[in-house]
Amino acid sequence: MIEPNRLKRLQFRAWHRGTREADYMIGGFFDRYHGEWGEAECAWFEALLEEEDVDIMGWALGTLDVPEEYRGPLMDAFRKLDYVEIPH
C-alpha cells in the first residue's frame, strides 16, 4: 500500500502544474489511475512530474516521441486522454 501522504503530495503536484491544460491532463490522469498503482507506478509518475509540462503534453498528444524511460502501459493509458474532464 502506498503511503497516504505520498499520494497527497503526488495529487497536489499533479493538479498544480502552472497551466489549466496541464492540470487537467496530469491531474486527471492521477485521479483516474492512482488507486490502481503500486510502488513502480508511483515512482514512474513521480519521475514524470519532474519533466516539463510542454514535454509531457507533447508525449500525451503524440507530437513528441516518448522517451524510453516513460514508454509502457502507463504512458499508453496517459496517451488515451479519456480521463480528461473539462468543467464548463
C-alpha atoms as a PDB file:
ATOM      1  CA  MET A   1       0.000   0.000   0.000  1.00  0.00           C
ATOM      2  CA  ILE A   2       1.250   3.460  -0.897  1.00  0.00           C
ATOM      3  CA  GLU A   3       1.643   5.902   1.979  1.00  0.00           C
ATOM      4  CA  PRO A   4      -1.291   8.375   2.046  1.00  0.00           C
ATOM      5  CA  ASN A   5       0.979  11.422   2.444  1.00  0.00           C
ATOM      6  CA  ARG A   6       2.921  10.398  -0.654  1.00  0.00           C
ATOM      7  CA  LEU A   7      -0.317  10.195  -2.629  1.00  0.00           C
ATOM      8  CA  LYS A   8      -1.391  13.609  -1.327  1.00  0.00           C
ATOM      9  CA  ARG A   9       1.908  15.114  -2.486  1.00  0.00           C
ATOM     10  CA  LEU A  10       1.544  13.493  -5.895  1.00  0.00           C
ATOM     11  CA  GLN A  11      -2.017  14.726  -6.226  1.00  0.00           C
ATOM     12  CA  PHE A  12      -1.030  18.269  -5.299  1.00  0.00           C
ATOM     13  CA  ARG A  13       1.861  18.286  -7.761  1.00  0.00           C
ATOM     14  CA  ALA A  14      -0.322  16.779 -10.488  1.00  0.00           C
ATOM     15  CA  TRP A  15      -3.011  19.444 -10.090  1.00  0.00           C
ATOM     16  CA  HIS A  16      -0.710  22.464  -9.630  1.00  0.00           C
ATOM     17  CA  ARG A  17       1.375  22.488 -12.779  1.00  0.00           C
ATOM     18  CA  GLY A  18       1.025  26.117 -13.778  1.00  0.00           C
ATOM     19  CA  THR A  19      -1.410  25.878 -16.676  1.00  0.00           C
ATOM     20  CA  ARG A  20      -5.003  24.768 -16.658  1.00  0.00           C
ATOM     21  CA  GLU A  21      -4.418  22.408 -19.580  1.00  0.00           C
ATOM     22  CA  ALA A  22      -1.577  20.609 -17.830  1.00  0.00           C
ATOM     23  CA  ASP A  23      -3.577  20.473 -14.599  1.00  0.00           C
ATOM     24  CA  TYR A  24      -6.491  18.745 -16.335  1.00  0.00           C
ATOM     25  CA  MET A  25      -4.250  16.351 -18.227  1.00  0.00           C
ATOM     26  CA  ILE A  26      -1.823  15.363 -15.473  1.00  0.00           C
ATOM     27  CA  GLY A  27      -4.188  15.785 -12.534  1.00  0.00           C
ATOM     28  CA  GLY A  28      -6.970  13.967 -14.345  1.00  0.00           C
ATOM     29  CA  PHE A  29      -4.648  11.068 -15.060  1.00  0.00           C
ATOM     30  CA  PHE A  30      -3.661  10.879 -11.405  1.00  0.00           C
ATOM     31  CA  ASP A  31      -7.271  10.974 -10.229  1.00  0.00           C
ATOM     32  CA  ARG A  32      -8.333   8.253 -12.663  1.00  0.00           C
ATOM     33  CA  TYR A  33      -5.494   5.781 -12.127  1.00  0.00           C
ATOM     34  CA  HIS A  34      -3.675   6.271  -8.808  1.00  0.00           C
ATOM     35  CA  GLY A  35      -5.927   3.843  -6.955  1.00  0.00           C
ATOM     36  CA  GLU A  36      -4.506   1.010  -9.058  1.00  0.00           C
ATOM     37  CA  TRP A  37      -0.839   1.913  -8.525  1.00  0.00           C
ATOM     38  CA  GLY A  38       1.877   0.145  -6.637  1.00  0.00           C
ATOM     39  CA  GLU A  39       5.398   1.324  -5.900  1.00  0.00           C
ATOM     40  CA  ALA A  40       6.638   1.090  -9.503  1.00  0.00           C
ATOM     41  CA  GLU A  41       3.753   3.125 -10.887  1.00  0.00           C
ATOM     42  CA  CYS A  42       4.146   5.807  -8.215  1.00  0.00           C
ATOM     43  CA  ALA A  43       7.860   6.036  -8.967  1.00  0.00           C
ATOM     44  CA  TRP A  44       7.087   6.393 -12.697  1.00  0.00           C
ATOM     45  CA  PHE A  45       4.604   9.179 -12.007  1.00  0.00           C
ATOM     46  CA  GLU A  46       6.991  10.951  -9.616  1.00  0.00           C
ATOM     47  CA  ALA A  47       9.645  10.931 -12.338  1.00  0.00           C
ATOM     48  CA  LEU A  48       7.120  12.174 -14.905  1.00  0.00           C
ATOM     49  CA  LEU A  49       6.228  15.102 -12.646  1.00  0.00           C
ATOM     50  CA  GLU A  50       9.844  16.268 -12.827  1.00  0.00           C
ATOM     51  CA  GLU A  51       9.542  16.781 -16.591  1.00  0.00           C
ATOM     52  CA  GLU A  52       8.458  19.993 -18.287  1.00  0.00           C
ATOM     53  CA  ASP A  53       4.730  20.339 -18.940  1.00  0.00           C
ATOM     54  CA  VAL A  54       5.295  21.072 -22.616  1.00  0.00           C
ATOM     55  CA  ASP A  55       7.121  17.745 -22.984  1.00  0.00           C
ATOM     56  CA  ILE A  56       4.531  15.775 -21.007  1.00  0.00           C
ATOM     57  CA  MET A  57       1.722  17.263 -23.055  1.00  0.00           C
ATOM     58  CA  GLY A  58       3.614  16.601 -26.296  1.00  0.00           C
ATOM     59  CA  TRP A  59       4.055  12.949 -25.349  1.00  0.00           C
ATOM     60  CA  ALA A  60       0.357  12.640 -24.484  1.00  0.00           C
ATOM     61  CA  LEU A  61      -0.769  14.299 -27.704  1.00  0.00           C
ATOM     62  CA  GLY A  62       1.698  12.399 -29.883  1.00  0.00           C
ATOM     63  CA  THR A  63       3.525  15.491 -31.114  1.00  0.00           C
ATOM     64  CA  LEU A  64       6.770  14.419 -29.402  1.00  0.00           C
ATOM     65  CA  ASP A  65       8.380  10.997 -29.192  1.00  0.00           C
ATOM     66  CA  VAL A  66       8.052   9.431 -25.753  1.00  0.00           C
ATOM     67  CA  PRO A  67      11.453   8.806 -24.136  1.00  0.00           C
ATOM     68  CA  GLU A  68      12.293   5.169 -23.479  1.00  0.00           C
ATOM     69  CA  GLU A  69      12.029   5.528 -19.689  1.00  0.00           C
ATOM     70  CA  TYR A  70       8.366   6.553 -19.942  1.00  0.00           C
ATOM     71  CA  ARG A  71       7.203   4.037 -22.541  1.00  0.00           C
ATOM     72  CA  GLY A  72       4.882   1.264 -21.435  1.00  0.00           C
ATOM     73  CA  PRO A  73       1.369   0.660 -20.134  1.00  0.00           C
ATOM     74  CA  LEU A  74       1.165   3.822 -18.021  1.00  0.00           C
ATOM     75  CA  MET A  75       2.117   6.055 -20.932  1.00  0.00           C
ATOM     76  CA  ASP A  76      -0.287   4.112 -23.136  1.00  0.00           C
ATOM     77  CA  ALA A  77      -3.086   4.942 -20.679  1.00  0.00           C
ATOM     78  CA  PHE A  78      -1.875   8.534 -20.400  1.00  0.00           C
ATOM     79  CA  ARG A  79      -1.973   8.977 -24.188  1.00  0.00           C
ATOM     80  CA  LYS A  80      -5.632   7.901 -24.431  1.00  0.00           C
ATOM     81  CA  LEU A  81      -6.702  11.176 -22.792  1.00  0.00           C
ATOM     82  CA  ASP A  82     -10.073   9.609 -21.970  1.00  0.00           C
ATOM     83  CA  TYR A  83      -9.669  10.659 -18.332  1.00  0.00           C
ATOM     84  CA  VAL A  84      -9.648  14.411 -19.030  1.00  0.00           C
ATOM     85  CA  GLU A  85     -12.837  16.083 -17.842  1.00  0.00           C
ATOM     86  CA  ILE A  86     -13.020  19.787 -18.549  1.00  0.00           C
ATOM     87  CA  PRO A  87     -15.633  21.562 -16.449  1.00  0.00           C
ATOM     88  CA  HIS A  88     -17.958  24.013 -18.132  1.00  0.00           C
END
